[in-house]
PDB file of all heavy atoms in Angstrom:
ATOM      1  N   THR A   1       3.541 -18.532 -13.010  1.00  0.00           N
ATOM      2  CA  THR A   1       2.438 -17.998 -12.099  1.00  0.00           C
ATOM      3  C   THR A   1       1.540 -17.095 -12.990  1.00  0.00           C
ATOM      4  O   THR A   1       2.102 -16.390 -13.854  1.00  0.00           O
ATOM      5  CB  THR A   1       2.944 -17.258 -10.873  1.00  0.00           C
ATOM      6  OG1 THR A   1       1.820 -16.747 -10.136  1.00  0.00           O
ATOM      7  CG2 THR A   1       3.847 -16.119 -11.256  1.00  0.00           C
ATOM      8  N   SER A   2       0.277 -17.067 -12.625  1.00  0.00           N
ATOM      9  CA  SER A   2      -0.620 -16.168 -13.334  1.00  0.00           C
ATOM     10  C   SER A   2      -0.631 -14.767 -12.595  1.00  0.00           C
ATOM     11  O   SER A   2      -1.365 -13.945 -13.175  1.00  0.00           O
ATOM     12  CB  SER A   2      -2.028 -16.774 -13.309  1.00  0.00           C
ATOM     13  OG  SER A   2      -2.502 -16.853 -11.946  1.00  0.00           O
ATOM     14  N   GLU A   3       0.139 -14.514 -11.652  1.00  0.00           N
ATOM     15  CA  GLU A   3      -0.024 -13.251 -11.000  1.00  0.00           C
ATOM     16  C   GLU A   3       0.372 -12.118 -11.882  1.00  0.00           C
ATOM     17  O   GLU A   3       1.381 -12.046 -12.617  1.00  0.00           O
ATOM     18  CB  GLU A   3       1.132 -13.274  -9.750  1.00  0.00           C
ATOM     19  CG  GLU A   3       1.066 -11.910  -9.009  1.00  0.00           C
ATOM     20  CD  GLU A   3       1.977 -11.782  -7.990  1.00  0.00           C
ATOM     21  OE1 GLU A   3       3.115 -12.425  -8.011  1.00  0.00           O
ATOM     22  OE2 GLU A   3       1.699 -11.131  -6.908  1.00  0.00           O
ATOM     23  N   LYS A   4      -0.510 -11.169 -11.897  1.00  0.00           N
ATOM     24  CA  LYS A   4      -0.398  -9.891 -12.552  1.00  0.00           C
ATOM     25  C   LYS A   4      -0.660  -8.815 -11.456  1.00  0.00           C
ATOM     26  O   LYS A   4      -1.446  -8.827 -10.703  1.00  0.00           O
ATOM     27  CB  LYS A   4      -1.408  -9.742 -13.639  1.00  0.00           C
ATOM     28  CG  LYS A   4      -1.405  -8.361 -14.372  1.00  0.00           C
ATOM     29  CD  LYS A   4      -2.387  -8.249 -15.425  1.00  0.00           C
ATOM     30  CE  LYS A   4      -3.588  -7.609 -15.039  1.00  0.00           C
ATOM     31  NZ  LYS A   4      -4.528  -7.192 -16.030  1.00  0.00           N
ATOM     32  N   ILE A   5       0.364  -7.866 -11.551  1.00  0.00           N
ATOM     33  CA  ILE A   5       0.236  -6.625 -10.637  1.00  0.00           C
ATOM     34  C   ILE A   5      -0.019  -5.446 -11.601  1.00  0.00           C
ATOM     35  O   ILE A   5       0.757  -5.140 -12.466  1.00  0.00           O
ATOM     36  CB  ILE A   5       1.547  -6.495  -9.835  1.00  0.00           C
ATOM     37  CG1 ILE A   5       1.815  -7.747  -8.979  1.00  0.00           C
ATOM     38  CG2 ILE A   5       1.368  -5.270  -8.957  1.00  0.00           C
ATOM     39  CD1 ILE A   5       3.206  -7.626  -8.203  1.00  0.00           C
ATOM     40  N   GLU A   6      -1.117  -4.761 -11.240  1.00  0.00           N
ATOM     41  CA  GLU A   6      -1.480  -3.502 -11.862  1.00  0.00           C
ATOM     42  C   GLU A   6      -0.777  -2.439 -11.072  1.00  0.00           C
ATOM     43  O   GLU A   6      -1.013  -2.351  -9.817  1.00  0.00           O
ATOM     44  CB  GLU A   6      -2.869  -3.301 -12.115  1.00  0.00           C
ATOM     45  CG  GLU A   6      -3.455  -4.093 -13.262  1.00  0.00           C
ATOM     46  CD  GLU A   6      -4.850  -3.719 -13.782  1.00  0.00           C
ATOM     47  OE1 GLU A   6      -5.263  -2.592 -13.474  1.00  0.00           O
ATOM     48  OE2 GLU A   6      -5.465  -4.619 -14.438  1.00  0.00           O
ATOM     49  N   ILE A   7      -0.047  -1.644 -11.615  1.00  0.00           N
ATOM     50  CA  ILE A   7       0.738  -0.562 -10.848  1.00  0.00           C
ATOM     51  C   ILE A   7       0.151   0.774 -11.227  1.00  0.00           C
ATOM     52  O   ILE A   7       0.072   1.141 -12.370  1.00  0.00           O
ATOM     53  CB  ILE A   7       2.168  -0.697 -11.177  1.00  0.00           C
ATOM     54  CG1 ILE A   7       2.821  -2.127 -10.832  1.00  0.00           C
ATOM     55  CG2 ILE A   7       3.052   0.410 -10.423  1.00  0.00           C
ATOM     56  CD1 ILE A   7       4.155  -2.343 -11.199  1.00  0.00           C
ATOM     57  N   PHE A   8      -0.053   1.555 -10.112  1.00  0.00           N
ATOM     58  CA  PHE A   8      -0.575   2.896 -10.252  1.00  0.00           C
ATOM     59  C   PHE A   8       0.398   3.903  -9.660  1.00  0.00           C
ATOM     60  O   PHE A   8       1.306   3.487  -9.027  1.00  0.00           O
ATOM     61  CB  PHE A   8      -1.990   2.973  -9.539  1.00  0.00           C
ATOM     62  CG  PHE A   8      -2.923   2.103 -10.033  1.00  0.00           C
ATOM     63  CD1 PHE A   8      -3.033   0.661  -9.701  1.00  0.00           C
ATOM     64  CD2 PHE A   8      -3.927   2.358 -11.051  1.00  0.00           C
ATOM     65  CE1 PHE A   8      -3.880  -0.273 -10.134  1.00  0.00           C
ATOM     66  CE2 PHE A   8      -4.774   1.526 -11.541  1.00  0.00           C
ATOM     67  CZ  PHE A   8      -4.779   0.296 -11.117  1.00  0.00           C
ATOM     68  N   TYR A   9       0.024   5.207  -9.802  1.00  0.00           N
ATOM     69  CA  TYR A   9       0.850   6.299  -9.184  1.00  0.00           C
ATOM     70  C   TYR A   9      -0.122   7.335  -8.669  1.00  0.00           C
ATOM     71  O   TYR A   9      -1.252   7.463  -9.285  1.00  0.00           O
ATOM     72  CB  TYR A   9       1.971   6.774  -9.973  1.00  0.00           C
ATOM     73  CG  TYR A   9       1.484   7.712 -11.116  1.00  0.00           C
ATOM     74  CD1 TYR A   9       1.513   9.076 -11.004  1.00  0.00           C
ATOM     75  CD2 TYR A   9       1.049   7.222 -12.292  1.00  0.00           C
ATOM     76  CE1 TYR A   9       1.225   9.814 -12.067  1.00  0.00           C
ATOM     77  CE2 TYR A   9       0.607   7.975 -13.353  1.00  0.00           C
ATOM     78  CZ  TYR A   9       0.736   9.325 -13.237  1.00  0.00           C
ATOM     79  OH  TYR A   9       0.309  10.235 -14.266  1.00  0.00           O
ATOM     80  N   THR A  10       0.298   8.124  -7.748  1.00  0.00           N
ATOM     81  CA  THR A  10      -0.457   9.217  -7.340  1.00  0.00           C
ATOM     82  C   THR A  10       0.440  10.406  -6.951  1.00  0.00           C
ATOM     83  O   THR A  10       1.454  10.131  -6.215  1.00  0.00           O
ATOM     84  CB  THR A  10      -1.611   8.942  -6.213  1.00  0.00           C
ATOM     85  OG1 THR A  10      -2.329  10.250  -5.974  1.00  0.00           O
ATOM     86  CG2 THR A  10      -0.892   8.466  -4.915  1.00  0.00           C
ATOM     87  N   ARG A  11       0.096  11.623  -7.347  1.00  0.00           N
ATOM     88  CA  ARG A  11       0.810  12.723  -6.820  1.00  0.00           C
ATOM     89  C   ARG A  11       0.051  13.542  -5.824  1.00  0.00           C
ATOM     90  O   ARG A  11       0.417  14.699  -5.514  1.00  0.00           O
ATOM     91  CB  ARG A  11       1.259  13.546  -8.025  1.00  0.00           C
ATOM     92  CG  ARG A  11       2.173  12.925  -8.971  1.00  0.00           C
ATOM     93  CD  ARG A  11       2.456  13.870 -10.134  1.00  0.00           C
ATOM     94  NE  ARG A  11       3.498  13.280 -11.034  1.00  0.00           N
ATOM     95  CZ  ARG A  11       3.505  13.445 -12.380  1.00  0.00           C
ATOM     96  NH1 ARG A  11       2.429  14.026 -13.017  1.00  0.00           N
ATOM     97  NH2 ARG A  11       4.465  12.913 -13.132  1.00  0.00           N
ATOM     98  N   GLN A  12      -1.138  13.059  -5.485  1.00  0.00           N
ATOM     99  CA  GLN A  12      -2.046  13.711  -4.525  1.00  0.00           C
ATOM    100  C   GLN A  12      -2.209  12.804  -3.346  1.00  0.00           C
ATOM    101  O   GLN A  12      -2.894  11.816  -3.442  1.00  0.00           O
ATOM    102  CB  GLN A  12      -3.330  14.042  -5.190  1.00  0.00           C
ATOM    103  CG  GLN A  12      -4.355  14.691  -4.322  1.00  0.00           C
ATOM    104  CD  GLN A  12      -5.772  14.175  -4.481  1.00  0.00           C
ATOM    105  OE1 GLN A  12      -5.946  13.000  -4.704  1.00  0.00           O
ATOM    106  NE2 GLN A  12      -6.651  15.124  -4.367  1.00  0.00           N
ATOM    107  N   LEU A  13      -1.568  13.085  -2.242  1.00  0.00           N
ATOM    108  CA  LEU A  13      -1.575  12.341  -1.008  1.00  0.00           C
ATOM    109  C   LEU A  13      -2.467  13.073   0.014  1.00  0.00           C
ATOM    110  O   LEU A  13      -1.942  14.257   0.325  1.00  0.00           O
ATOM    111  CB  LEU A  13      -0.207  11.966  -0.512  1.00  0.00           C
ATOM    112  CG  LEU A  13       0.549  11.011  -1.482  1.00  0.00           C
ATOM    113  CD1 LEU A  13       2.037  10.948  -1.023  1.00  0.00           C
ATOM    114  CD2 LEU A  13      -0.106   9.705  -1.589  1.00  0.00           C
ATOM    115  N   ILE A  14      -3.429  12.456   0.535  1.00  0.00           N
ATOM    116  CA  ILE A  14      -4.159  13.135   1.611  1.00  0.00           C
ATOM    117  C   ILE A  14      -3.975  12.279   2.878  1.00  0.00           C
ATOM    118  O   ILE A  14      -4.168  11.067   2.935  1.00  0.00           O
ATOM    119  CB  ILE A  14      -5.693  13.056   1.229  1.00  0.00           C
ATOM    120  CG1 ILE A  14      -5.922  13.810  -0.133  1.00  0.00           C
ATOM    121  CG2 ILE A  14      -6.581  13.581   2.337  1.00  0.00           C
ATOM    122  CD1 ILE A  14      -7.326  13.374  -0.711  1.00  0.00           C
ATOM    123  N   PRO A  15      -3.449  12.918   3.967  1.00  0.00           N
ATOM    124  CA  PRO A  15      -3.129  12.099   5.160  1.00  0.00           C
ATOM    125  C   PRO A  15      -4.430  11.412   5.664  1.00  0.00           C
ATOM    126  O   PRO A  15      -5.535  12.032   5.614  1.00  0.00           O
ATOM    127  CB  PRO A  15      -2.686  13.313   6.227  1.00  0.00           C
ATOM    128  CG  PRO A  15      -2.111  14.361   5.312  1.00  0.00           C
ATOM    129  CD  PRO A  15      -3.049  14.256   4.062  1.00  0.00           C
ATOM    130  N   SER A  16      -4.238  10.218   6.193  1.00  0.00           N
ATOM    131  CA  SER A  16      -5.261   9.391   6.667  1.00  0.00           C
ATOM    132  C   SER A  16      -4.760   8.534   7.819  1.00  0.00           C
ATOM    133  O   SER A  16      -3.941   9.102   8.577  1.00  0.00           O
ATOM    134  CB  SER A  16      -5.881   8.536   5.478  1.00  0.00           C
ATOM    135  OG  SER A  16      -6.981   7.808   5.902  1.00  0.00           O
ATOM    136  N   HIS A  17      -5.043   7.414   7.888  1.00  0.00           N
ATOM    137  CA  HIS A  17      -4.665   6.484   9.075  1.00  0.00           C
ATOM    138  C   HIS A  17      -4.046   5.198   8.513  1.00  0.00           C
ATOM    139  O   HIS A  17      -4.726   4.546   7.681  1.00  0.00           O
ATOM    140  CB  HIS A  17      -5.797   6.181   9.990  1.00  0.00           C
ATOM    141  CG  HIS A  17      -6.447   7.446  10.565  1.00  0.00           C
ATOM    142  ND1 HIS A  17      -7.465   8.079  10.098  1.00  0.00           N
ATOM    143  CD2 HIS A  17      -6.006   8.123  11.748  1.00  0.00           C
ATOM    144  CE1 HIS A  17      -7.806   9.044  10.839  1.00  0.00           C
ATOM    145  NE2 HIS A  17      -6.845   9.076  11.824  1.00  0.00           N
ATOM    146  N   GLN A  18      -2.834   4.945   8.824  1.00  0.00           N
ATOM    147  CA  GLN A  18      -2.191   3.678   8.557  1.00  0.00           C
ATOM    148  C   GLN A  18      -3.000   2.502   9.232  1.00  0.00           C
ATOM    149  O   GLN A  18      -3.367   2.693  10.394  1.00  0.00           O
ATOM    150  CB  GLN A  18      -0.722   3.666   8.911  1.00  0.00           C
ATOM    151  CG  GLN A  18       0.003   2.431   8.562  1.00  0.00           C
ATOM    152  CD  GLN A  18       1.429   2.478   9.037  1.00  0.00           C
ATOM    153  OE1 GLN A  18       1.668   2.928  10.234  1.00  0.00           O
ATOM    154  NE2 GLN A  18       2.365   2.060   8.217  1.00  0.00           N
ATOM    155  N   ASN A  19      -3.309   1.446   8.510  1.00  0.00           N
ATOM    156  CA  ASN A  19      -4.026   0.360   9.082  1.00  0.00           C
ATOM    157  C   ASN A  19      -3.412  -1.042   8.550  1.00  0.00           C
ATOM    158  O   ASN A  19      -4.018  -1.705   7.818  1.00  0.00           O
ATOM    159  CB  ASN A  19      -5.488   0.525   8.607  1.00  0.00           C
ATOM    160  CG  ASN A  19      -6.462  -0.546   9.135  1.00  0.00           C
ATOM    161  OD1 ASN A  19      -6.252  -1.043  10.180  1.00  0.00           O
ATOM    162  ND2 ASN A  19      -7.513  -0.730   8.447  1.00  0.00           N
ATOM    163  N   LEU A  20      -2.317  -1.183   9.170  1.00  0.00           N
ATOM    164  CA  LEU A  20      -1.636  -2.526   8.745  1.00  0.00           C
ATOM    165  C   LEU A  20      -2.363  -3.736   9.241  1.00  0.00           C
ATOM    166  O   LEU A  20      -3.034  -3.688  10.269  1.00  0.00           O
ATOM    167  CB  LEU A  20      -0.218  -2.497   9.517  1.00  0.00           C
ATOM    168  CG  LEU A  20       0.795  -1.479   9.040  1.00  0.00           C
ATOM    169  CD1 LEU A  20       2.032  -1.528   9.882  1.00  0.00           C
ATOM    170  CD2 LEU A  20       1.104  -1.593   7.459  1.00  0.00           C
ATOM    171  N   ASP A  21      -2.284  -4.817   8.485  1.00  0.00           N
ATOM    172  CA  ASP A  21      -2.803  -5.995   8.827  1.00  0.00           C
ATOM    173  C   ASP A  21      -2.070  -6.477  10.147  1.00  0.00           C
ATOM    174  O   ASP A  21      -1.035  -5.996  10.550  1.00  0.00           O
ATOM    175  CB  ASP A  21      -2.541  -7.195   7.775  1.00  0.00           C
ATOM    176  CG  ASP A  21      -3.346  -6.894   6.575  1.00  0.00           C
ATOM    177  OD1 ASP A  21      -4.373  -6.192   6.670  1.00  0.00           O
ATOM    178  OD2 ASP A  21      -2.874  -7.281   5.485  1.00  0.00           O
ATOM    179  N   GLU A  22      -2.760  -7.308  10.891  1.00  0.00           N
ATOM    180  CA  GLU A  22      -2.298  -7.721  12.273  1.00  0.00           C
ATOM    181  C   GLU A  22      -0.836  -8.176  12.281  1.00  0.00           C
ATOM    182  O   GLU A  22      -0.100  -7.963  13.175  1.00  0.00           O
ATOM    183  CB  GLU A  22      -3.246  -8.764  12.848  1.00  0.00           C
ATOM    184  CG  GLU A  22      -2.829  -9.259  14.244  1.00  0.00           C
ATOM    185  CD  GLU A  22      -3.797 -10.342  14.785  1.00  0.00           C
ATOM    186  OE1 GLU A  22      -4.579 -10.894  13.933  1.00  0.00           O
ATOM    187  OE2 GLU A  22      -3.589 -10.788  15.947  1.00  0.00           O
ATOM    188  N   ASN A  23      -0.480  -8.944  11.204  1.00  0.00           N
ATOM    189  CA  ASN A  23       0.939  -9.516  11.266  1.00  0.00           C
ATOM    190  C   ASN A  23       1.701  -8.803  10.163  1.00  0.00           C
ATOM    191  O   ASN A  23       2.737  -9.391   9.655  1.00  0.00           O
ATOM    192  CB  ASN A  23       0.826 -11.004  10.922  1.00  0.00           C
ATOM    193  CG  ASN A  23       0.162 -11.700  12.065  1.00  0.00           C
ATOM    194  OD1 ASN A  23       0.406 -11.387  13.257  1.00  0.00           O
ATOM    195  ND2 ASN A  23      -0.850 -12.556  11.778  1.00  0.00           N
ATOM    196  N   GLU A  24       1.540  -7.563   9.801  1.00  0.00           N
ATOM    197  CA  GLU A  24       2.226  -6.849   8.917  1.00  0.00           C
ATOM    198  C   GLU A  24       2.986  -5.621   9.578  1.00  0.00           C
ATOM    199  O   GLU A  24       2.532  -4.946  10.413  1.00  0.00           O
ATOM    200  CB  GLU A  24       1.250  -6.222   7.819  1.00  0.00           C
ATOM    201  CG  GLU A  24       1.858  -5.494   6.632  1.00  0.00           C
ATOM    202  CD  GLU A  24       0.885  -5.005   5.746  1.00  0.00           C
ATOM    203  OE1 GLU A  24      -0.325  -4.741   6.121  1.00  0.00           O
ATOM    204  OE2 GLU A  24       1.201  -4.926   4.548  1.00  0.00           O
ATOM    205  N   PHE A  25       4.280  -5.632   9.251  1.00  0.00           N
ATOM    206  CA  PHE A  25       5.176  -4.657   9.854  1.00  0.00           C
ATOM    207  C   PHE A  25       5.959  -3.924   8.783  1.00  0.00           C
ATOM    208  O   PHE A  25       6.765  -4.634   7.955  1.00  0.00           O
ATOM    209  CB  PHE A  25       6.126  -5.276  10.889  1.00  0.00           C
ATOM    210  CG  PHE A  25       5.379  -6.022  12.012  1.00  0.00           C
ATOM    211  CD1 PHE A  25       5.051  -7.354  11.812  1.00  0.00           C
ATOM    212  CD2 PHE A  25       5.048  -5.413  13.066  1.00  0.00           C
ATOM    213  CE1 PHE A  25       4.398  -8.126  12.762  1.00  0.00           C
ATOM    214  CE2 PHE A  25       4.349  -6.050  14.113  1.00  0.00           C
ATOM    215  CZ  PHE A  25       4.012  -7.453  13.901  1.00  0.00           C
ATOM    216  N   VAL A  26       5.832  -2.667   8.564  1.00  0.00           N
ATOM    217  CA  VAL A  26       6.591  -1.906   7.557  1.00  0.00           C
ATOM    218  C   VAL A  26       7.305  -0.642   8.229  1.00  0.00           C
ATOM    219  O   VAL A  26       6.848  -0.140   9.160  1.00  0.00           O
ATOM    220  CB  VAL A  26       5.719  -1.436   6.375  1.00  0.00           C
ATOM    221  CG1 VAL A  26       4.980  -2.638   5.873  1.00  0.00           C
ATOM    222  CG2 VAL A  26       4.684  -0.370   6.854  1.00  0.00           C
ATOM    223  N   GLN A  27       8.344  -0.349   7.585  1.00  0.00           N
ATOM    224  CA  GLN A  27       9.110   0.869   7.965  1.00  0.00           C
ATOM    225  C   GLN A  27       8.955   1.828   6.626  1.00  0.00           C
ATOM    226  O   GLN A  27       9.194   1.517   5.483  1.00  0.00           O
ATOM    227  CB  GLN A  27      10.625   0.551   8.185  1.00  0.00           C
ATOM    228  CG  GLN A  27      11.401   1.755   8.436  1.00  0.00           C
ATOM    229  CD  GLN A  27      12.839   1.397   8.813  1.00  0.00           C
ATOM    230  OE1 GLN A  27      13.054   0.439   9.448  1.00  0.00           O
ATOM    231  NE2 GLN A  27      13.740   2.120   8.161  1.00  0.00           N
ATOM    232  N   ILE A  28       8.437   3.021   6.837  1.00  0.00           N
ATOM    233  CA  ILE A  28       8.232   3.961   5.903  1.00  0.00           C
ATOM    234  C   ILE A  28       9.447   4.773   5.570  1.00  0.00           C
ATOM    235  O   ILE A  28      10.089   5.291   6.498  1.00  0.00           O
ATOM    236  CB  ILE A  28       7.037   4.885   6.119  1.00  0.00           C
ATOM    237  CG1 ILE A  28       5.741   4.057   6.228  1.00  0.00           C
ATOM    238  CG2 ILE A  28       6.874   6.052   5.108  1.00  0.00           C
ATOM    239  CD1 ILE A  28       4.654   4.876   6.700  1.00  0.00           C
TER     240      ILE A  28
END
């Protein structure tokens, strides 16, 4: 597969709004 994932990090998190796709379900 040609799939490449660029991976990032952040140490600065600003609260916002979770906006999952209609058929996406995640547990944090």
